[in-house]
C-alpha atoms as a PDB file:
ATOM      1  CA  UNK A   1      20.924-108.568 -47.983  1.00  0.00           C
ATOM      2  CA  UNK A   2      18.489-109.129 -45.048  1.00  0.00           C
ATOM      3  CA  UNK A   3      19.575-109.269 -41.464  1.00  0.00           C
ATOM      4  CA  UNK A   4      18.261-110.772 -38.528  1.00  0.00           C
ATOM      5  CA  UNK A   5      18.936-107.598 -36.286  1.00  0.00           C
ATOM      6  CA  UNK A   6      16.975-104.553 -36.245  1.00  0.00           C
ATOM      7  CA  UNK A   7      19.654-102.199 -34.365  1.00  0.00           C
ATOM      8  CA  UNK A   8      23.120-102.527 -35.501  1.00  0.00           C
ATOM      9  CA  UNK A   9      23.465-105.278 -38.072  1.00  0.00           C
ATOM     10  CA  UNK A  10      26.019-107.373 -36.294  1.00  0.00           C
ATOM     11  CA  UNK A  11      25.773-106.491 -32.499  1.00  0.00           C
ATOM     12  CA  UNK A  12      21.976-105.658 -32.350  1.00  0.00           C
ATOM     13  CA  UNK A  13      22.986-102.314 -30.505  1.00  0.00           C
ATOM     14  CA  UNK A  14      20.430 -99.210 -30.858  1.00  0.00           C
ATOM     15  CA  UNK A  15      22.709 -96.554 -29.845  1.00  0.00           C
ATOM     16  CA  UNK A  16      24.666 -94.900 -32.322  1.00  0.00           C
ATOM     17  CA  UNK A  17      23.774 -93.427 -35.742  1.00  0.00           C
ATOM     18  CA  UNK A  18      26.148 -94.860 -38.590  1.00  0.00           C
ATOM     19  CA  UNK A  19      24.475 -96.024 -41.696  1.00  0.00           C
ATOM     20  CA  UNK A  20      26.500 -97.788 -44.691  1.00  0.00           C
ATOM     21  CA  UNK A  21      26.126 -99.598 -47.684  1.00  0.00           C
ATOM     22  CA  UNK A  22      27.254-103.039 -47.564  1.00  0.00           C
ATOM     23  CA  UNK A  23      26.357-105.458 -50.744  1.00  0.00           C
ATOM     24  CA  UNK A  24      23.386-102.537 -52.221  1.00  0.00           C
ATOM     25  CA  UNK A  25      21.896-102.529 -48.751  1.00  0.00           C
ATOM     26  CA  UNK A  26      21.632 -99.467 -46.403  1.00  0.00           C
ATOM     27  CA  UNK A  27      22.482-100.898 -42.888  1.00  0.00           C
ATOM     28  CA  UNK A  28      22.416 -99.397 -39.339  1.00  0.00           C
ATOM     29  CA  UNK A  29      25.797 -99.565 -37.595  1.00  0.00           C
ATOM     30  CA  UNK A  30      26.492 -98.563 -33.897  1.00  0.00           C
ATOM     31  CA  UNK A  31      30.046 -98.044 -34.469  1.00  0.00           C
ATOM     32  CA  UNK A  32      32.960 -97.909 -37.142  1.00  0.00           C
ATOM     33  CA  UNK A  33      34.281-101.249 -35.605  1.00  0.00           C
ATOM     34  CA  UNK A  34      31.082-102.809 -36.198  1.00  0.00           C
ATOM     35  CA  UNK A  35      31.227-102.024 -39.755  1.00  0.00           C
ATOM     36  CA  UNK A  36      34.748-103.536 -40.010  1.00  0.00           C
ATOM     37  CA  UNK A  37      33.303-106.666 -38.437  1.00  0.00           C
ATOM     38  CA  UNK A  38      30.669-106.809 -40.844  1.00  0.00           C
ATOM     39  CA  UNK A  39      32.212-106.179 -44.071  1.00  0.00           C
ATOM     40  CA  UNK A  40      35.026-108.409 -42.952  1.00  0.00           C
ATOM     41  CA  UNK A  41      32.574-111.317 -42.238  1.00  0.00           C
ATOM     42  CA  UNK A  42      30.615-110.788 -45.679  1.00  0.00           C
ATOM     43  CA  UNK A  43      33.846-110.824 -47.551  1.00  0.00           C
ATOM     44  CA  UNK A  44      35.118-114.119 -45.648  1.00  0.00           C
ATOM     45  CA  UNK A  45      31.888-115.824 -46.365  1.00  0.00           C
ATOM     46  CA  UNK A  46      31.720-114.714 -49.892  1.00  0.00           C
ATOM     47  CA  UNK A  47      34.997-116.154 -50.417  1.00  0.00           C
ATOM     48  CA  UNK A  48      34.833-119.127 -48.586  1.00  0.00           C
ATOM     49  CA  UNK A  49      31.389-120.100 -50.019  1.00  0.00           C
ATOM     50  CA  UNK A  50      32.486-118.955 -53.472  1.00  0.00           C
ATOM     51  CA  UNK A  51      29.316-116.634 -53.807  1.00  0.00           C
ATOM     52  CA  UNK A  52      29.266-113.466 -55.659  1.00  0.00           C
ATOM     53  CA  UNK A  53      26.801-112.086 -53.179  1.00  0.00           C
ATOM     54  CA  UNK A  54      24.824-113.164 -50.053  1.00  0.00           C
ATOM     55  CA  UNK A  55      21.119-112.986 -49.879  1.00  0.00           C
ATOM     56  CA  UNK A  56      20.411-113.863 -46.139  1.00  0.00           C
ATOM     57  CA  UNK A  57      22.505-113.368 -42.925  1.00  0.00           C
ATOM     58  CA  UNK A  58      21.779-114.271 -39.627  1.00  0.00           C
ATOM     59  CA  UNK A  59      24.122-113.838 -36.708  1.00  0.00           C
ATOM     60  CA  UNK A  60      23.708-115.098 -33.100  1.00  0.00           C
ATOM     61  CA  UNK A  61      26.180-114.568 -30.011  1.00  0.00           C
ATOM     62  CA  UNK A  62      28.070-111.338 -28.969  1.00  0.00           C
ATOM     63  CA  UNK A  63      31.731-109.872 -28.773  1.00  0.00           C
ATOM     64  CA  UNK A  64      33.214-113.283 -27.640  1.00  0.00           C
ATOM     65  CA  UNK A  65      31.882-115.151 -30.758  1.00  0.00           C
ATOM     66  CA  UNK A  66      29.362-115.195 -33.315  1.00  0.00           C
ATOM     67  CA  UNK A  67      27.473-118.023 -34.952  1.00  0.00           C
ATOM     68  CA  UNK A  68      26.702-116.994 -38.826  1.00  0.00           C
ATOM     69  CA  UNK A  69      24.435-118.802 -41.219  1.00  0.00           C
ATOM     70  CA  UNK A  70      24.366-117.190 -44.478  1.00  0.00           C
ATOM     71  CA  UNK A  71      22.066-117.888 -47.531  1.00  0.00           C
ATOM     72  CA  UNK A  72      22.225-117.837 -51.405  1.00  0.00           C
ATOM     73  CA  UNK A  73      19.538-119.098 -53.123  1.00  0.00           C
ATOM     74  CA  UNK A  74      18.897-122.315 -51.930  1.00  0.00           C
ATOM     75  CA  UNK A  75      22.311-122.667 -50.404  1.00  0.00           C
ATOM     76  CA  UNK A  76      23.688-122.209 -47.088  1.00  0.00           C
ATOM     77  CA  UNK A  77      26.400-121.629 -45.243  1.00  0.00           C
ATOM     78  CA  UNK A  78      27.522-121.662 -41.489  1.00  0.00           C
ATOM     79  CA  UNK A  79      30.541-120.464 -39.584  1.00  0.00           C
ATOM     80  CA  UNK A  80      31.626-119.160 -35.907  1.00  0.00           C
ATOM     81  CA  UNK A  81      33.554-116.078 -36.051  1.00  0.00           C
ATOM     82  CA  UNK A  82      35.135-113.763 -33.505  1.00  0.00           C
ATOM     83  CA  UNK A  83      37.190-110.547 -34.303  1.00  0.00           C
ATOM     84  CA  UNK A  84      39.713-108.509 -32.411  1.00  0.00           C
ATOM     85  CA  UNK A  85      39.449-104.826 -31.470  1.00  0.00           C
ATOM     86  CA  UNK A  86      40.091-103.462 -34.702  1.00  0.00           C
ATOM     87  CA  UNK A  87      37.099-105.415 -36.442  1.00  0.00           C
ATOM     88  CA  UNK A  88      39.628-107.922 -38.258  1.00  0.00           C
ATOM     89  CA  UNK A  89      38.944-111.556 -38.311  1.00  0.00           C
ATOM     90  CA  UNK A  90      40.778-113.198 -35.161  1.00  0.00           C
ATOM     91  CA  UNK A  91      39.367-116.810 -35.514  1.00  0.00           C
ATOM     92  CA  UNK A  92      36.773-118.386 -38.105  1.00  0.00           C
ATOM     93  CA  UNK A  93      35.594-121.978 -38.678  1.00  0.00           C
ATOM     94  CA  UNK A  94      33.233-123.449 -40.917  1.00  0.00           C
ATOM     95  CA  UNK A  95      30.191-124.988 -39.288  1.00  0.00           C
ATOM     96  CA  UNK A  96      28.665-128.112 -40.669  1.00  0.00           C
ATOM     97  CA  UNK A  97      24.795-127.397 -41.319  1.00  0.00           C
ATOM     98  CA  UNK A  98      22.665-130.479 -39.972  1.00  0.00           C
ATOM     99  CA  UNK A  99      20.514-132.068 -42.720  1.00  0.00           C
ATOM    100  CA  UNK A 100      16.926-131.803 -41.979  1.00  0.00           C
ATOM    101  CA  UNK A 101      15.417-135.484 -40.812  1.00  0.00           C
END
């Protein structure tokens, strides 16, 4: 799985030193809460999109909420997500991806 950040896979922080394998890819995280958030996000997107894996995940935003766009082959799925303090999903909403014109 490819992610858009060079720091922590979900918040892009550079502090910490936690490495976890998610979906077969070794990713850097700043803390255990970010690991939980990322795993919960990946599981939810896969369930909602009915995919067995995610090829690419772009995350934008901050702790108040994130816009996420995932892709699997030529398919895309976009959502808005917010987490609680333990990393569980607090709110999740599928976003409509505008068609290119």
